Structures are given as C-alpha cells and as structure tokens.
Amino acid sequence: MQDRISVNPQIHFGKPCVAGTRVPVQNVLELVREGLSFSQIIADYYPDLTVEDIQACLQYAIDTVTLEDIHVATPAP
C-alpha cells in the first residue's frame, strides 16, 4: 500500500499525494472525515482514484500517527 502514496517536492510543496496524481492525502482524509463514502469521493470528487487509493490514504495517516512521539507535560506540584 505504501507505493500508492508519494512525496515529491515539485508537487503540492512536498505534501503526500496519491501516487500518479496531484491529489493530496489531506484532501481525501477531509472528505472521509465529512462522512463521504469511498464511492462518493470517487464519483463526486476524484474519479481517477480507486478504493485502494483511499484506503492507502487512511493507512498513511495511521502510520504517521503511529510514528509520532507525544510528550505530555505534567503540571508542577
């Protein structure tokens, strides 16, 4: 699935996009967040995408959060 997402400094300032397109992962994730089905996203917004491309966007987000280190500051006593 990783081959479905690409990062190219010449496309969208290096933001991750669906490979072979200029569709940013963020745009796809925002449509999913709005509750659109995969088929709606494809039919109404990005007809060149596949269900597997949208799944790859979700997996990219999961992988990014998994690698993120979160440091929580504890309040001083």
PDB file of N, CA and C in Angstrom:
ATOM      1  N   MET A   1       0.807  -1.189   0.000  1.00  0.00           N
ATOM      2  CA  MET A   1       0.000   0.000   0.000  1.00  0.00           C
ATOM      3  C   MET A   1       0.855   1.259   0.000  1.00  0.00           C
ATOM      4  N   GLN A   2       2.052   1.160   0.504  1.00  0.00           N
ATOM      5  CA  GLN A   2       2.918   2.334   0.583  1.00  0.00           C
ATOM      6  C   GLN A   2       3.259   2.900  -0.785  1.00  0.00           C
ATOM      7  N   ASP A   3       3.213   2.067  -1.823  1.00  0.00           N
ATOM      8  CA  ASP A   3       3.547   2.559  -3.152  1.00  0.00           C
ATOM      9  C   ASP A   3       2.428   3.407  -3.742  1.00  0.00           C
ATOM     10  N   ARG A   4       1.289   3.475  -3.073  1.00  0.00           N
ATOM     11  CA  ARG A   4       0.160   4.288  -3.554  1.00  0.00           C
ATOM     12  C   ARG A   4       0.266   5.739  -3.101  1.00  0.00           C
ATOM     13  N   ILE A   5       1.159   6.043  -2.184  1.00  0.00           N
ATOM     14  CA  ILE A   5       1.348   7.406  -1.695  1.00  0.00           C
ATOM     15  C   ILE A   5       2.756   7.852  -2.058  1.00  0.00           C
ATOM     16  N   SER A   6       2.852   9.061  -2.590  1.00  0.00           N
ATOM     17  CA  SER A   6       4.177   9.563  -2.957  1.00  0.00           C
ATOM     18  C   SER A   6       4.371  10.966  -2.417  1.00  0.00           C
ATOM     19  N   VAL A   7       5.625  11.303  -2.220  1.00  0.00           N
ATOM     20  CA  VAL A   7       6.003  12.643  -1.784  1.00  0.00           C
ATOM     21  C   VAL A   7       7.023  13.162  -2.785  1.00  0.00           C
ATOM     22  N   ASN A   8       6.673  14.271  -3.410  1.00  0.00           N
ATOM     23  CA  ASN A   8       7.534  14.869  -4.423  1.00  0.00           C
ATOM     24  C   ASN A   8       7.592  16.360  -4.142  1.00  0.00           C
ATOM     25  N   PRO A   9       8.786  16.903  -3.911  1.00  0.00           N
ATOM     26  CA  PRO A   9       8.882  18.323  -3.586  1.00  0.00           C
ATOM     27  C   PRO A   9       8.339  19.229  -4.693  1.00  0.00           C
ATOM     28  N   GLN A  10       8.180  18.705  -5.888  1.00  0.00           N
ATOM     29  CA  GLN A  10       7.673  19.503  -7.011  1.00  0.00           C
ATOM     30  C   GLN A  10       6.140  19.494  -7.094  1.00  0.00           C
ATOM     31  N   ILE A  11       5.487  18.672  -6.288  1.00  0.00           N
ATOM     32  CA  ILE A  11       4.028  18.576  -6.322  1.00  0.00           C
ATOM     33  C   ILE A  11       3.466  18.937  -4.953  1.00  0.00           C
ATOM     34  N   HIS A  12       2.630  19.936  -4.912  1.00  0.00           N
ATOM     35  CA  HIS A  12       1.985  20.405  -3.672  1.00  0.00           C
ATOM     36  C   HIS A  12       2.989  20.640  -2.543  1.00  0.00           C
ATOM     37  N   PHE A  13       4.120  21.216  -2.904  1.00  0.00           N
ATOM     38  CA  PHE A  13       5.146  21.587  -1.924  1.00  0.00           C
ATOM     39  C   PHE A  13       5.616  20.411  -1.078  1.00  0.00           C
ATOM     40  N   GLY A  14       5.597  19.218  -1.675  1.00  0.00           N
ATOM     41  CA  GLY A  14       6.094  18.040  -0.976  1.00  0.00           C
ATOM     42  C   GLY A  14       5.081  17.370  -0.069  1.00  0.00           C
ATOM     43  N   LYS A  15       3.843  17.816  -0.116  1.00  0.00           N
ATOM     44  CA  LYS A  15       2.805  17.158   0.682  1.00  0.00           C
ATOM     45  C   LYS A  15       2.533  15.775   0.081  1.00  0.00           C
ATOM     46  N   PRO A  16       2.213  14.788   0.910  1.00  0.00           N
ATOM     47  CA  PRO A  16       1.935  13.453   0.374  1.00  0.00           C
ATOM     48  C   PRO A  16       0.692  13.465  -0.515  1.00  0.00           C
ATOM     49  N   CYS A  17       0.799  12.796  -1.649  1.00  0.00           N
ATOM     50  CA  CYS A  17      -0.298  12.703  -2.621  1.00  0.00           C
ATOM     51  C   CYS A  17      -0.490  11.251  -3.025  1.00  0.00           C
ATOM     52  N   VAL A  18      -1.649  10.977  -3.585  1.00  0.00           N
ATOM     53  CA  VAL A  18      -1.880   9.664  -4.163  1.00  0.00           C
ATOM     54  C   VAL A  18      -0.938   9.548  -5.359  1.00  0.00           C
ATOM     55  N   ALA A  19      -0.162   8.486  -5.403  1.00  0.00           N
ATOM     56  CA  ALA A  19       0.853   8.300  -6.447  1.00  0.00           C
ATOM     57  C   ALA A  19       0.224   8.394  -7.836  1.00  0.00           C
ATOM     58  N   GLY A  20       0.926   9.111  -8.706  1.00  0.00           N
ATOM     59  CA  GLY A  20       0.469   9.261 -10.079  1.00  0.00           C
ATOM     60  C   GLY A  20      -0.612  10.314 -10.257  1.00  0.00           C
ATOM     61  N   THR A  21      -0.944  11.026  -9.177  1.00  0.00           N
ATOM     62  CA  THR A  21      -1.954  12.081  -9.240  1.00  0.00           C
ATOM     63  C   THR A  21      -1.410  13.319  -8.532  1.00  0.00           C
ATOM     64  N   ARG A  22      -2.207  14.357  -8.560  1.00  0.00           N
ATOM     65  CA  ARG A  22      -1.900  15.555  -7.782  1.00  0.00           C
ATOM     66  C   ARG A  22      -2.912  15.701  -6.640  1.00  0.00           C
ATOM     67  N   VAL A  23      -3.468  14.583  -6.214  1.00  0.00           N
ATOM     68  CA  VAL A  23      -4.485  14.575  -5.164  1.00  0.00           C
ATOM     69  C   VAL A  23      -3.807  14.417  -3.807  1.00  0.00           C
ATOM     70  N   PRO A  24      -3.847  15.467  -2.980  1.00  0.00           N
ATOM     71  CA  PRO A  24      -3.216  15.368  -1.661  1.00  0.00           C
ATOM     72  C   PRO A  24      -3.961  14.404  -0.735  1.00  0.00           C
ATOM     73  N   VAL A  25      -3.198  13.669   0.033  1.00  0.00           N
ATOM     74  CA  VAL A  25      -3.765  12.761   1.036  1.00  0.00           C
ATOM     75  C   VAL A  25      -4.696  13.540   1.960  1.00  0.00           C
ATOM     76  N   GLN A  26      -4.298  14.729   2.354  1.00  0.00           N
ATOM     77  CA  GLN A  26      -5.107  15.543   3.269  1.00  0.00           C
ATOM     78  C   GLN A  26      -6.504  15.790   2.708  1.00  0.00           C
ATOM     79  N   ASN A  27      -6.619  16.089   1.431  1.00  0.00           N
ATOM     80  CA  ASN A  27      -7.930  16.335   0.835  1.00  0.00           C
ATOM     81  C   ASN A  27      -8.820  15.101   0.937  1.00  0.00           C
ATOM     82  N   VAL A  28      -8.240  13.943   0.678  1.00  0.00           N
ATOM     83  CA  VAL A  28      -9.008  12.696   0.759  1.00  0.00           C
ATOM     84  C   VAL A  28      -9.445  12.449   2.203  1.00  0.00           C
ATOM     85  N   LEU A  29      -8.551  12.664   3.148  1.00  0.00           N
ATOM     86  CA  LEU A  29      -8.882  12.444   4.555  1.00  0.00           C
ATOM     87  C   LEU A  29      -9.985  13.396   5.020  1.00  0.00           C
ATOM     88  N   GLU A  30      -9.967  14.622   4.536  1.00  0.00           N
ATOM     89  CA  GLU A  30     -11.008  15.579   4.915  1.00  0.00           C
ATOM     90  C   GLU A  30     -12.376  15.129   4.404  1.00  0.00           C
ATOM     91  N   LEU A  31     -12.423  14.555   3.212  1.00  0.00           N
ATOM     92  CA  LEU A  31     -13.687  14.058   2.676  1.00  0.00           C
ATOM     93  C   LEU A  31     -14.184  12.853   3.479  1.00  0.00           C
ATOM     94  N   VAL A  32     -13.269  11.990   3.888  1.00  0.00           N
ATOM     95  CA  VAL A  32     -13.645  10.853   4.735  1.00  0.00           C
ATOM     96  C   VAL A  32     -14.180  11.376   6.065  1.00  0.00           C
ATOM     97  N   ARG A  33     -13.509  12.374   6.620  1.00  0.00           N
ATOM     98  CA  ARG A  33     -13.946  12.968   7.891  1.00  0.00           C
ATOM     99  C   ARG A  33     -15.361  13.534   7.782  1.00  0.00           C
ATOM    100  N   GLU A  34     -15.696  14.083   6.627  1.00  0.00           N
ATOM    101  CA  GLU A  34     -17.030  14.646   6.413  1.00  0.00           C
ATOM    102  C   GLU A  34     -18.096  13.572   6.268  1.00  0.00           C
ATOM    103  N   GLY A  35     -17.690  12.318   6.249  1.00  0.00           N
ATOM    104  CA  GLY A  35     -18.638  11.220   6.209  1.00  0.00           C
ATOM    105  C   GLY A  35     -18.968  10.708   4.818  1.00  0.00           C
ATOM    106  N   LEU A  36     -18.234  11.176   3.813  1.00  0.00           N
ATOM    107  CA  LEU A  36     -18.488  10.692   2.459  1.00  0.00           C
ATOM    108  C   LEU A  36     -17.988   9.261   2.331  1.00  0.00           C
ATOM    109  N   SER A  37     -18.735   8.461   1.610  1.00  0.00           N
ATOM    110  CA  SER A  37     -18.312   7.088   1.355  1.00  0.00           C
ATOM    111  C   SER A  37     -17.201   7.105   0.311  1.00  0.00           C
ATOM    112  N   PHE A  38     -16.466   6.020   0.248  1.00  0.00           N
ATOM    113  CA  PHE A  38     -15.405   5.925  -0.749  1.00  0.00           C
ATOM    114  C   PHE A  38     -15.984   6.107  -2.151  1.00  0.00           C
ATOM    115  N   SER A  39     -17.134   5.506  -2.394  1.00  0.00           N
ATOM    116  CA  SER A  39     -17.727   5.614  -3.731  1.00  0.00           C
ATOM    117  C   SER A  39     -18.153   7.046  -4.036  1.00  0.00           C
ATOM    118  N   GLN A  40     -18.619   7.791  -3.033  1.00  0.00           N
ATOM    119  CA  GLN A  40     -18.962   9.193  -3.244  1.00  0.00           C
ATOM    120  C   GLN A  40     -17.720  10.023  -3.560  1.00  0.00           C
ATOM    121  N   ILE A  41     -16.642   9.767  -2.848  1.00  0.00           N
ATOM    122  CA  ILE A  41     -15.397  10.506  -3.079  1.00  0.00           C
ATOM    123  C   ILE A  41     -14.935  10.289  -4.516  1.00  0.00           C
ATOM    124  N   ILE A  42     -15.007   9.051  -4.959  1.00  0.00           N
ATOM    125  CA  ILE A  42     -14.572   8.723  -6.318  1.00  0.00           C
ATOM    126  C   ILE A  42     -15.521   9.350  -7.342  1.00  0.00           C
ATOM    127  N   ALA A  43     -16.810   9.192  -7.155  1.00  0.00           N
ATOM    128  CA  ALA A  43     -17.788   9.673  -8.136  1.00  0.00           C
ATOM    129  C   ALA A  43     -17.859  11.193  -8.195  1.00  0.00           C
ATOM    130  N   ASP A  44     -17.828  11.857  -7.037  1.00  0.00           N
ATOM    131  CA  ASP A  44     -18.091  13.295  -6.990  1.00  0.00           C
ATOM    132  C   ASP A  44     -16.846  14.173  -6.971  1.00  0.00           C
ATOM    133  N   TYR A  45     -15.695  13.621  -6.567  1.00  0.00           N
ATOM    134  CA  TYR A  45     -14.514  14.459  -6.401  1.00  0.00           C
ATOM    135  C   TYR A  45     -13.304  13.988  -7.204  1.00  0.00           C
ATOM    136  N   TYR A  46     -12.973  12.716  -7.080  1.00  0.00           N
ATOM    137  CA  TYR A  46     -11.731  12.220  -7.664  1.00  0.00           C
ATOM    138  C   TYR A  46     -11.975  10.929  -8.440  1.00  0.00           C
ATOM    139  N   PRO A  47     -12.511  11.032  -9.646  1.00  0.00           N
ATOM    140  CA  PRO A  47     -12.835   9.824 -10.404  1.00  0.00           C
ATOM    141  C   PRO A  47     -11.629   8.973 -10.796  1.00  0.00           C
ATOM    142  N   ASP A  48     -10.428   9.544 -10.711  1.00  0.00           N
ATOM    143  CA  ASP A  48      -9.228   8.775 -11.034  1.00  0.00           C
ATOM    144  C   ASP A  48      -8.739   7.914  -9.878  1.00  0.00           C
ATOM    145  N   LEU A  49      -9.314   8.105  -8.689  1.00  0.00           N
ATOM    146  CA  LEU A  49      -8.896   7.313  -7.531  1.00  0.00           C
ATOM    147  C   LEU A  49      -9.633   5.982  -7.502  1.00  0.00           C
ATOM    148  N   THR A  50      -9.062   5.056  -6.754  1.00  0.00           N
ATOM    149  CA  THR A  50      -9.691   3.768  -6.504  1.00  0.00           C
ATOM    150  C   THR A  50      -9.949   3.630  -5.005  1.00  0.00           C
ATOM    151  N   VAL A  51     -10.737   2.656  -4.649  1.00  0.00           N
ATOM    152  CA  VAL A  51     -10.968   2.375  -3.226  1.00  0.00           C
ATOM    153  C   VAL A  51      -9.632   2.105  -2.547  1.00  0.00           C
ATOM    154  N   GLU A  52      -8.751   1.395  -3.219  1.00  0.00           N
ATOM    155  CA  GLU A  52      -7.432   1.082  -2.641  1.00  0.00           C
ATOM    156  C   GLU A  52      -6.618   2.355  -2.402  1.00  0.00           C
ATOM    157  N   ASP A  53      -6.756   3.356  -3.262  1.00  0.00           N
ATOM    158  CA  ASP A  53      -6.058   4.630  -3.052  1.00  0.00           C
ATOM    159  C   ASP A  53      -6.551   5.309  -1.781  1.00  0.00           C
ATOM    160  N   ILE A  54      -7.854   5.308  -1.580  1.00  0.00           N
ATOM    161  CA  ILE A  54      -8.422   5.942  -0.381  1.00  0.00           C
ATOM    162  C   ILE A  54      -8.008   5.165   0.865  1.00  0.00           C
ATOM    163  N   GLN A  55      -8.011   3.856   0.782  1.00  0.00           N
ATOM    164  CA  GLN A  55      -7.534   3.046   1.910  1.00  0.00           C
ATOM    165  C   GLN A  55      -6.069   3.349   2.208  1.00  0.00           C
ATOM    166  N   ALA A  56      -5.280   3.571   1.172  1.00  0.00           N
ATOM    167  CA  ALA A  56      -3.864   3.907   1.358  1.00  0.00           C
ATOM    168  C   ALA A  56      -3.712   5.247   2.063  1.00  0.00           C
ATOM    169  N   CYS A  57      -4.596   6.196   1.762  1.00  0.00           N
ATOM    170  CA  CYS A  57      -4.567   7.484   2.459  1.00  0.00           C
ATOM    171  C   CYS A  57      -4.832   7.300   3.948  1.00  0.00           C
ATOM    172  N   LEU A  58      -5.822   6.482   4.270  1.00  0.00           N
ATOM    173  CA  LEU A  58      -6.110   6.195   5.677  1.00  0.00           C
ATOM    174  C   LEU A  58      -4.936   5.499   6.351  1.00  0.00           C
ATOM    175  N   GLN A  59      -4.339   4.538   5.659  1.00  0.00           N
ATOM    176  CA  GLN A  59      -3.201   3.827   6.229  1.00  0.00           C
ATOM    177  C   GLN A  59      -2.018   4.769   6.431  1.00  0.00           C
ATOM    178  N   TYR A  60      -1.823   5.701   5.498  1.00  0.00           N
ATOM    179  CA  TYR A  60      -0.745   6.688   5.633  1.00  0.00           C
ATOM    180  C   TYR A  60      -0.951   7.518   6.910  1.00  0.00           C
ATOM    181  N   ALA A  61      -2.176   7.932   7.155  1.00  0.00           N
ATOM    182  CA  ALA A  61      -2.471   8.702   8.364  1.00  0.00           C
ATOM    183  C   ALA A  61      -2.215   7.866   9.615  1.00  0.00           C
ATOM    184  N   ILE A  62      -2.636   6.616   9.595  1.00  0.00           N
ATOM    185  CA  ILE A  62      -2.410   5.723  10.737  1.00  0.00           C
ATOM    186  C   ILE A  62      -0.914   5.546  10.970  1.00  0.00           C
ATOM    187  N   ASP A  63      -0.176   5.304   9.903  1.00  0.00           N
ATOM    188  CA  ASP A  63       1.273   5.108  10.035  1.00  0.00           C
ATOM    189  C   ASP A  63       1.956   6.362  10.580  1.00  0.00           C
ATOM    190  N   THR A  64       1.495   7.519  10.140  1.00  0.00           N
ATOM    191  CA  THR A  64       2.085   8.778  10.601  1.00  0.00           C
ATOM    192  C   THR A  64       1.844   8.975  12.094  1.00  0.00           C
ATOM    193  N   VAL A  65       0.630   8.715  12.542  1.00  0.00           N
ATOM    194  CA  VAL A  65       0.306   8.865  13.964  1.00  0.00           C
ATOM    195  C   VAL A  65       1.053   7.826  14.792  1.00  0.00           C
ATOM    196  N   THR A  66       1.206   6.638  14.254  1.00  0.00           N
ATOM    197  CA  THR A  66       1.920   5.575  14.966  1.00  0.00           C
ATOM    198  C   THR A  66       3.362   5.969  15.237  1.00  0.00           C
ATOM    199  N   LEU A  67       3.975   6.659  14.290  1.00  0.00           N
ATOM    200  CA  LEU A  67       5.379   7.051  14.435  1.00  0.00           C
ATOM    201  C   LEU A  67       5.580   8.313  15.259  1.00  0.00           C
ATOM    202  N   GLU A  68       4.499   9.026  15.528  1.00  0.00           N
ATOM    203  CA  GLU A  68       4.577  10.299  16.231  1.00  0.00           C
ATOM    204  C   GLU A  68       4.848  10.083  17.717  1.00  0.00           C
ATOM    205  N   ASP A  69       5.805  10.814  18.229  1.00  0.00           N
ATOM    206  CA  ASP A  69       6.079  10.805  19.663  1.00  0.00           C
ATOM    207  C   ASP A  69       5.318  11.959  20.300  1.00  0.00           C
ATOM    208  N   ILE A  70       4.561  11.644  21.331  1.00  0.00           N
ATOM    209  CA  ILE A  70       3.798  12.670  22.031  1.00  0.00           C
ATOM    210  C   ILE A  70       4.382  12.823  23.428  1.00  0.00           C
ATOM    211  N   HIS A  71       4.725  14.042  23.751  1.00  0.00           N
ATOM    212  CA  HIS A  71       5.301  14.333  25.057  1.00  0.00           C
ATOM    213  C   HIS A  71       4.294  15.177  25.841  1.00  0.00           C
ATOM    214  N   VAL A  72       3.809  14.611  26.917  1.00  0.00           N
ATOM    215  CA  VAL A  72       2.811  15.302  27.737  1.00  0.00           C
ATOM    216  C   VAL A  72       3.520  15.899  28.941  1.00  0.00           C
ATOM    217  N   ALA A  73       3.360  17.189  29.079  1.00  0.00           N
ATOM    218  CA  ALA A  73       3.966  17.863  30.232  1.00  0.00           C
ATOM    219  C   ALA A  73       3.061  17.648  31.455  1.00  0.00           C
ATOM    220  N   THR A  74       3.683  17.312  32.560  1.00  0.00           N
ATOM    221  CA  THR A  74       2.917  17.156  33.794  1.00  0.00           C
ATOM    222  C   THR A  74       2.950  18.477  34.539  1.00  0.00           C
ATOM    223  N   PRO A  75       1.838  18.857  35.113  1.00  0.00           N
ATOM    224  CA  PRO A  75       1.822  20.133  35.850  1.00  0.00           C
ATOM    225  C   PRO A  75       2.729  20.085  37.079  1.00  0.00           C
ATOM    226  N   ALA A  76       3.302  21.206  37.364  1.00  0.00           N
ATOM    227  CA  ALA A  76       4.161  21.307  38.551  1.00  0.00           C
ATOM    228  C   ALA A  76       3.313  21.187  39.803  1.00  0.00           C
ATOM    229  N   PRO A  77       3.840  20.518  40.824  1.00  0.00           N
ATOM    230  CA  PRO A  77       3.065  20.345  42.077  1.00  0.00           C
ATOM    231  C   PRO A  77       2.838  21.640  42.810  1.00  0.00           C
TER     232      PRO A  77
END
